[in-house]
Amino acid sequence: MSDLLGVFLYAYRAIAPLLLLMAFGYVVVNKLGWDRAFFVKLNRFCFHFLLPIQMFYNVYGISNLSALNWRLVGFIICSIFVTVLIGVTAARLVTDDPGQRAAVAQASFRSNQVIMGIPLAEALGGAAAMGFASVATSICVPIFNILGVVVLNLYLQFGGKKNASTIVRGVLRNPLVVGVSLGLIVLAIRGLIPIQDGAPVFTLAGTLPSVFKVLSDLSKVATPLMLFVLGTQIRFDEIPAIRKQLAATVFIKLILVPAVVLTAAILLRHPLGLTSTEMPTMVAIFCSPVAVTSAVMVQEIGGDKQLASQAVAWSTALSLLTIFVAVVIFRSVGLL
């Protein structure tokens, strides 16, 4: 019982700060009367500057890929694509509105891996789980963001046109994709830099420490600021109009997706080489609530910002229960 209580308390401590930051934003606008339009502009700043920097910084941080369980990584990547199909199919059944379909589909697969994933994996698996969790997160986050941009561009109209070239341009120009791409380019260049005395002759941290410090600080600012701004956009008086779509979105993200993917992982645990060291990462990726960045992207690109914001808020709150249940189940089968 004490172990289960410890899991529950950890989940609460991980999720409560996210909810409090959103609540702070909600109070500032809805109770203290600050101008909502200002925070719409701040949201644009996060999307066009802070998020790309965060994506670049995360990708640049990838270090050792040699010891990774690539069978399991391949399973995770394939599962992400499966969840995209689940979201796209469900979105067509839930609503006819393109903006709402974009929000529902994207929320189905975009997990709050950056904020909750690594800490959750560490809490469940200890230091031994951190290596796989860190590298898997660095691989999954760019995939989440690129697929998110693709899904949004498939649903939403740009200038009245929605052909293949328009979608490709929209994806390539997206600030998150630009940040990920620059990170991958620098990562590739880093592998070609000569080694002297056991270390590369040039690194951002070592050669340009001031630049690296700024990138690091802005990357850390991105998430709490986005959560705060997200809270300023939430309006509970609009929930009745989107109740069905919101319930479906939260159900898909917190129940349907984890049930499908993690059941398959358990059934294939031996071929995949899945161990108790790697299972915490699976829980972190597929049981986490909707990513904050998904709401920021939906708001910026033109989808239903209220549905996207509410999906983040409610999935974050309810994940306290669903993560706890998932942990109990996987401990019972010896994977945690």
Protein backbone atom coordinates (compact mmCIF):
# COMPACT_ATOMS: atom_id res chain seq x y z
CA MET A 1 0.00 0.00 0.00
CA SER A 2 2.84 2.39 0.81
CA ASP A 3 4.35 1.79 -2.66
CA LEU A 4 1.04 2.62 -4.35
CA LEU A 5 0.65 5.71 -2.20
CA GLY A 6 4.16 6.77 -3.19
CA VAL A 7 3.30 6.40 -6.89
CA PHE A 8 0.14 8.42 -6.45
CA LEU A 9 1.95 11.17 -4.53
CA TYR A 10 4.66 11.33 -7.19
CA ALA A 11 2.10 11.64 -9.97
CA TYR A 12 0.39 14.40 -8.02
CA ARG A 13 3.63 16.27 -7.43
CA ALA A 14 4.55 16.00 -11.11
CA ILE A 15 1.18 17.19 -12.38
CA ALA A 16 0.17 19.77 -9.75
CA PRO A 17 2.74 22.42 -10.84
CA LEU A 18 1.42 22.23 -14.42
CA LEU A 19 -2.14 22.77 -13.24
CA LEU A 20 -1.10 25.61 -10.94
CA LEU A 21 0.71 27.44 -13.76
CA MET A 22 -2.39 27.17 -15.97
CA ALA A 23 -4.59 28.25 -13.07
CA PHE A 24 -2.36 31.30 -12.55
CA GLY A 25 -2.81 32.32 -16.17
CA TYR A 26 -6.57 31.79 -15.93
CA VAL A 27 -6.80 34.01 -12.83
CA VAL A 28 -4.67 36.80 -14.34
CA VAL A 29 -7.03 37.20 -17.31
CA ASN A 30 -10.43 36.13 -16.01
CA LYS A 31 -10.26 37.42 -12.44
CA LEU A 32 -7.70 40.23 -12.50
CA GLY A 33 -8.79 41.62 -15.87
CA TRP A 34 -5.55 41.62 -17.83
CA ASP A 35 -5.93 42.04 -21.59
CA ARG A 36 -6.35 38.65 -23.26
CA ALA A 37 -5.06 40.08 -26.57
CA PHE A 38 -1.62 40.65 -25.00
CA PHE A 39 -1.31 36.97 -24.18
CA VAL A 40 -2.34 36.01 -27.70
CA LYS A 41 0.73 37.95 -28.88
CA LEU A 42 2.83 36.30 -26.18
CA ASN A 43 1.63 32.95 -27.47
CA ARG A 44 2.93 33.89 -30.92
CA PHE A 45 6.30 34.78 -29.37
CA CYS A 46 6.48 31.35 -27.71
CA PHE A 47 5.58 29.61 -30.95
CA HIS A 48 7.98 31.49 -33.22
CA PHE A 49 10.97 31.83 -30.88
CA LEU A 50 10.96 29.87 -27.61
CA LEU A 51 9.64 26.57 -28.98
CA PRO A 52 12.14 26.37 -31.89
CA ILE A 53 14.97 27.11 -29.47
CA GLN A 54 13.72 24.40 -27.12
CA MET A 55 13.49 21.89 -29.99
CA PHE A 56 17.01 22.76 -31.17
CA TYR A 57 18.40 22.45 -27.66
CA ASN A 58 16.74 19.07 -27.05
CA VAL A 59 17.98 17.58 -30.33
CA TYR A 60 21.49 18.99 -29.80
CA GLY A 61 21.56 17.23 -26.43
CA ILE A 62 21.44 13.75 -28.00
CA SER A 63 24.72 12.03 -27.14
CA ASN A 64 25.20 8.27 -27.17
CA LEU A 65 22.97 6.18 -29.44
CA SER A 66 25.08 3.04 -29.62
CA ALA A 67 23.68 1.12 -26.63
CA LEU A 68 20.04 1.81 -27.38
CA ASN A 69 17.43 -0.97 -27.70
CA TRP A 70 16.64 -0.16 -31.32
CA ARG A 71 13.94 -2.83 -31.57
CA LEU A 72 11.99 -1.07 -28.86
CA VAL A 73 12.71 2.34 -30.37
CA GLY A 74 11.33 1.08 -33.69
CA PHE A 75 8.23 -0.20 -31.89
CA ILE A 76 7.75 3.20 -30.23
CA ILE A 77 8.04 5.04 -33.55
CA CYS A 78 5.61 2.64 -35.27
CA SER A 79 3.22 3.04 -32.32
CA ILE A 80 3.29 6.81 -32.71
CA PHE A 81 2.16 6.43 -36.31
CA VAL A 82 -0.59 4.04 -35.17
CA THR A 83 -1.81 6.63 -32.67
CA VAL A 84 -1.89 9.20 -35.48
CA LEU A 85 -4.21 6.90 -37.43
CA ILE A 86 -6.36 6.44 -34.33
CA GLY A 87 -6.61 10.19 -33.86
CA VAL A 88 -7.35 10.97 -37.50
CA THR A 89 -10.04 8.26 -37.64
CA ALA A 90 -11.60 9.34 -34.35
CA ALA A 91 -11.59 13.01 -35.39
CA ARG A 92 -13.76 12.19 -38.41
CA LEU A 93 -16.27 10.44 -36.16
CA VAL A 94 -16.36 13.13 -33.48
CA THR A 95 -16.81 16.35 -35.49
CA ASP A 96 -17.18 17.81 -38.98
CA ASP A 97 -15.33 21.02 -38.15
CA PRO A 98 -11.76 21.06 -39.62
CA GLY A 99 -10.40 23.13 -36.74
CA GLN A 100 -11.79 20.71 -34.18
CA ARG A 101 -10.63 17.70 -36.17
CA ALA A 102 -7.11 19.13 -36.16
CA ALA A 103 -7.20 19.56 -32.37
CA VAL A 104 -8.62 16.06 -31.73
CA ALA A 105 -6.23 14.28 -34.11
CA GLN A 106 -3.11 16.03 -32.85
CA ALA A 107 -3.99 15.53 -29.18
CA SER A 108 -4.27 11.77 -29.69
CA PHE A 109 -0.53 11.27 -30.18
CA ARG A 110 1.31 14.32 -28.84
CA SER A 111 2.39 13.52 -25.29
CA ASN A 112 3.74 15.86 -22.66
CA GLN A 113 7.01 13.97 -22.84
CA VAL A 114 9.35 16.92 -22.33
CA ILE A 115 7.70 18.12 -19.12
CA MET A 116 6.57 14.86 -17.53
CA GLY A 117 8.24 12.04 -19.43
CA ILE A 118 11.79 12.00 -18.10
CA PRO A 119 10.87 12.85 -14.46
CA LEU A 120 8.15 10.20 -14.53
CA ALA A 121 10.50 7.59 -15.98
CA GLU A 122 13.08 8.42 -13.31
CA ALA A 123 10.50 8.11 -10.53
CA LEU A 124 9.32 4.73 -11.84
CA GLY A 125 12.66 3.23 -12.85
CA GLY A 126 15.32 5.18 -10.98
CA ALA A 127 18.68 6.18 -12.43
CA ALA A 128 18.83 2.98 -14.48
CA ALA A 129 15.83 4.11 -16.55
CA MET A 130 17.16 7.58 -17.26
CA GLY A 131 19.53 6.71 -20.11
CA PHE A 132 16.90 5.10 -22.31
CA ALA A 133 14.30 7.71 -21.33
CA SER A 134 16.54 10.63 -22.28
CA VAL A 135 17.53 9.29 -25.68
CA ALA A 136 14.04 8.01 -26.50
CA THR A 137 12.62 11.42 -25.63
CA SER A 138 15.13 13.16 -27.89
CA ILE A 139 14.07 10.88 -30.76
CA CYS A 140 10.31 11.04 -30.11
CA VAL A 141 9.94 14.79 -29.59
CA PRO A 142 10.99 15.74 -33.16
CA ILE A 143 8.66 13.03 -34.52
CA PHE A 144 5.78 14.34 -32.39
CA ASN A 145 6.33 17.87 -33.61
CA ILE A 146 6.79 17.07 -37.29
CA LEU A 147 3.71 14.81 -37.34
CA GLY A 148 1.79 17.49 -35.44
CA VAL A 149 2.60 20.05 -38.11
CA VAL A 150 1.67 17.59 -40.88
CA VAL A 151 -1.69 16.78 -39.26
CA LEU A 152 -2.55 20.44 -38.75
CA ASN A 153 -1.65 21.28 -42.33
CA LEU A 154 -3.77 18.41 -43.62
CA TYR A 155 -6.86 19.71 -41.85
CA LEU A 156 -6.55 23.47 -41.97
CA GLN A 157 -6.87 25.72 -45.01
CA PHE A 158 -4.11 28.18 -45.92
CA GLY A 159 -5.17 30.98 -48.23
CA GLY A 160 -8.02 28.86 -49.57
CA LYS A 161 -5.62 26.21 -50.93
CA LYS A 162 -4.80 22.79 -49.58
CA ASN A 163 -2.74 20.99 -52.21
CA ALA A 164 0.40 18.92 -51.65
CA SER A 165 2.84 21.77 -52.28
CA THR A 166 0.98 24.03 -49.84
CA ILE A 167 1.10 21.35 -47.15
CA VAL A 168 4.81 20.70 -47.70
CA ARG A 169 5.62 24.42 -47.54
CA GLY A 170 3.55 24.76 -44.38
CA VAL A 171 5.44 21.90 -42.76
CA LEU A 172 8.90 23.10 -43.78
CA ARG A 173 8.23 26.67 -42.66
CA ASN A 174 6.86 25.68 -39.28
CA PRO A 175 9.13 27.08 -36.52
CA LEU A 176 9.20 23.75 -34.63
CA VAL A 177 10.33 21.86 -37.72
CA VAL A 178 12.96 24.53 -38.36
CA GLY A 179 14.24 24.14 -34.79
CA VAL A 180 14.40 20.34 -35.06
CA SER A 181 16.06 20.50 -38.50
CA LEU A 182 18.75 22.92 -37.32
CA GLY A 183 19.39 20.66 -34.34
CA LEU A 184 19.81 17.62 -36.60
CA ILE A 185 22.15 19.54 -38.91
CA VAL A 186 24.33 20.67 -36.02
CA LEU A 187 24.23 17.14 -34.61
CA ALA A 188 25.50 15.76 -37.94
CA ILE A 189 28.24 18.39 -38.14
CA ARG A 190 29.27 17.64 -34.57
CA GLY A 191 30.03 14.06 -35.61
CA LEU A 192 32.51 15.33 -38.24
CA ILE A 193 34.43 17.66 -35.93
CA PRO A 194 37.99 16.46 -35.17
CA ILE A 195 38.73 15.04 -31.72
CA GLN A 196 41.65 16.40 -29.73
CA ASP A 197 42.63 15.09 -26.29
CA GLY A 198 39.47 13.00 -26.18
CA ALA A 199 37.06 15.88 -26.90
CA PRO A 200 35.82 17.70 -30.04
CA VAL A 201 37.82 20.82 -30.89
CA PHE A 202 34.56 22.78 -31.14
CA THR A 203 31.34 22.56 -29.12
CA LEU A 204 28.68 25.13 -28.37
CA ALA A 205 29.07 24.64 -24.63
CA GLY A 206 32.86 24.76 -24.67
CA THR A 207 33.62 27.22 -27.48
CA LEU A 208 30.62 29.53 -27.23
CA PRO A 209 29.54 29.18 -23.60
CA SER A 210 27.58 32.45 -23.55
CA VAL A 211 25.52 31.42 -26.59
CA PHE A 212 24.94 27.97 -25.14
CA LYS A 213 23.85 29.49 -21.81
CA VAL A 214 21.30 31.72 -23.54
CA LEU A 215 19.92 28.76 -25.50
CA SER A 216 19.72 26.71 -22.31
CA ASP A 217 17.95 29.47 -20.36
CA LEU A 218 15.42 30.19 -23.11
CA SER A 219 14.73 26.47 -23.45
CA LYS A 220 13.94 26.28 -19.74
CA VAL A 221 11.68 29.35 -19.93
CA ALA A 222 9.59 27.94 -22.79
CA THR A 223 7.55 25.32 -20.94
CA PRO A 224 6.43 27.29 -17.85
CA LEU A 225 5.65 30.35 -19.95
CA MET A 226 3.60 28.28 -22.39
CA LEU A 227 1.64 26.73 -19.52
CA PHE A 228 0.91 30.17 -18.09
CA VAL A 229 -0.19 31.55 -21.47
CA LEU A 230 -2.30 28.45 -22.04
CA GLY A 231 -4.17 29.21 -18.84
CA THR A 232 -4.99 32.70 -20.08
CA GLN A 233 -6.78 31.21 -23.09
CA ILE A 234 -9.04 28.83 -21.14
CA ARG A 235 -12.70 29.82 -20.86
CA PHE A 236 -14.93 27.48 -18.92
CA ASP A 237 -18.06 29.15 -20.28
CA GLU A 238 -17.26 27.60 -23.68
CA ILE A 239 -17.07 23.99 -22.44
CA PRO A 240 -20.77 23.12 -23.12
CA ALA A 241 -20.28 23.83 -26.83
CA ILE A 242 -17.33 21.42 -27.07
CA ARG A 243 -18.25 18.88 -24.37
CA LYS A 244 -18.52 15.90 -26.73
CA GLN A 245 -15.32 16.70 -28.61
CA LEU A 246 -13.41 17.37 -25.38
CA ALA A 247 -14.55 14.11 -23.75
CA ALA A 248 -13.61 12.14 -26.86
CA THR A 249 -10.17 13.77 -27.05
CA VAL A 250 -9.33 13.08 -23.41
CA PHE A 251 -10.64 9.49 -23.68
CA ILE A 252 -8.49 8.82 -26.75
CA LYS A 253 -5.32 10.26 -25.19
CA LEU A 254 -5.56 8.83 -21.68
CA ILE A 255 -7.37 5.52 -22.18
CA LEU A 256 -7.59 4.30 -25.78
CA VAL A 257 -4.02 5.03 -26.90
CA PRO A 258 -2.33 3.61 -23.77
CA ALA A 259 -4.57 0.52 -23.88
CA VAL A 260 -3.72 -0.24 -27.52
CA VAL A 261 0.01 0.50 -27.46
CA LEU A 262 0.96 -0.82 -24.04
CA THR A 263 -1.08 -4.01 -24.43
CA ALA A 264 0.84 -4.67 -27.65
CA ALA A 265 4.11 -3.92 -25.84
CA ILE A 266 3.31 -6.46 -23.12
CA LEU A 267 2.37 -9.13 -25.66
CA LEU A 268 5.61 -8.50 -27.58
CA ARG A 269 7.80 -7.95 -24.53
CA HIS A 270 10.19 -10.82 -25.31
CA PRO A 271 10.77 -10.11 -29.04
CA LEU A 272 11.21 -6.43 -28.21
CA GLY A 273 13.56 -7.11 -25.33
CA LEU A 274 11.34 -4.95 -23.12
CA THR A 275 12.59 -4.82 -19.52
CA SER A 276 11.62 -3.07 -16.31
CA THR A 277 14.35 -0.52 -17.10
CA GLU A 278 12.63 0.52 -20.34
CA MET A 279 8.98 0.15 -19.39
CA PRO A 280 8.95 3.45 -17.43
CA THR A 281 9.74 5.23 -20.70
CA MET A 282 6.82 3.49 -22.42
CA VAL A 283 4.49 4.64 -19.65
CA ALA A 284 5.91 8.16 -19.83
CA ILE A 285 5.44 8.44 -23.60
CA PHE A 286 2.01 6.88 -24.01
CA CYS A 287 0.31 7.65 -20.67
CA SER A 288 1.32 11.31 -20.41
CA PRO A 289 -1.35 13.98 -21.02
CA VAL A 290 -1.64 16.10 -24.14
CA ALA A 291 1.49 18.16 -24.85
CA VAL A 292 1.35 21.86 -24.09
CA THR A 293 2.96 22.60 -27.46
CA SER A 294 0.00 21.03 -29.27
CA ALA A 295 -2.33 23.72 -27.96
CA VAL A 296 0.17 26.45 -28.84
CA MET A 297 0.42 25.14 -32.40
CA VAL A 298 -3.35 24.78 -32.84
CA GLN A 299 -3.89 28.35 -31.63
CA GLU A 300 -1.20 29.74 -33.90
CA ILE A 301 -2.08 27.82 -37.08
CA GLY A 302 -5.82 28.43 -36.86
CA GLY A 303 -7.55 25.43 -35.28
CA ASP A 304 -10.02 25.36 -32.41
CA LYS A 305 -7.86 26.91 -29.71
CA GLN A 306 -10.45 26.43 -26.97
CA LEU A 307 -10.75 22.69 -27.59
CA ALA A 308 -6.96 22.36 -27.76
CA SER A 309 -6.44 24.31 -24.53
CA GLN A 310 -9.15 22.45 -22.64
CA ALA A 311 -7.74 19.12 -23.84
CA VAL A 312 -4.35 19.98 -22.31
CA ALA A 313 -5.91 21.15 -19.03
CA TRP A 314 -8.31 18.24 -18.53
CA SER A 315 -5.96 15.50 -19.73
CA THR A 316 -3.28 16.85 -17.37
CA ALA A 317 -5.65 16.79 -14.39
CA LEU A 318 -7.11 13.35 -15.15
CA SER A 319 -3.73 11.79 -15.96
CA LEU A 320 -3.09 11.79 -12.22
CA LEU A 321 -5.55 8.89 -12.02
CA THR A 322 -4.76 7.11 -15.30
CA ILE A 323 -0.99 7.09 -14.74
CA PHE A 324 -1.55 5.66 -11.27
CA VAL A 325 -3.75 2.87 -12.69
CA ALA A 326 -1.21 2.11 -15.43
CA VAL A 327 1.62 1.85 -12.92
CA VAL A 328 -0.38 -0.54 -10.74
CA ILE A 329 -1.11 -2.77 -13.77
CA PHE A 330 2.47 -2.89 -15.01
CA ARG A 331 3.84 -3.58 -11.56
CA SER A 332 1.45 -6.49 -11.28
CA VAL A 333 2.96 -8.09 -14.42
CA GLY A 334 6.53 -7.46 -13.30
CA LEU A 335 7.43 -4.69 -15.75
CA LEU A 336 7.86 -1.94 -13.16
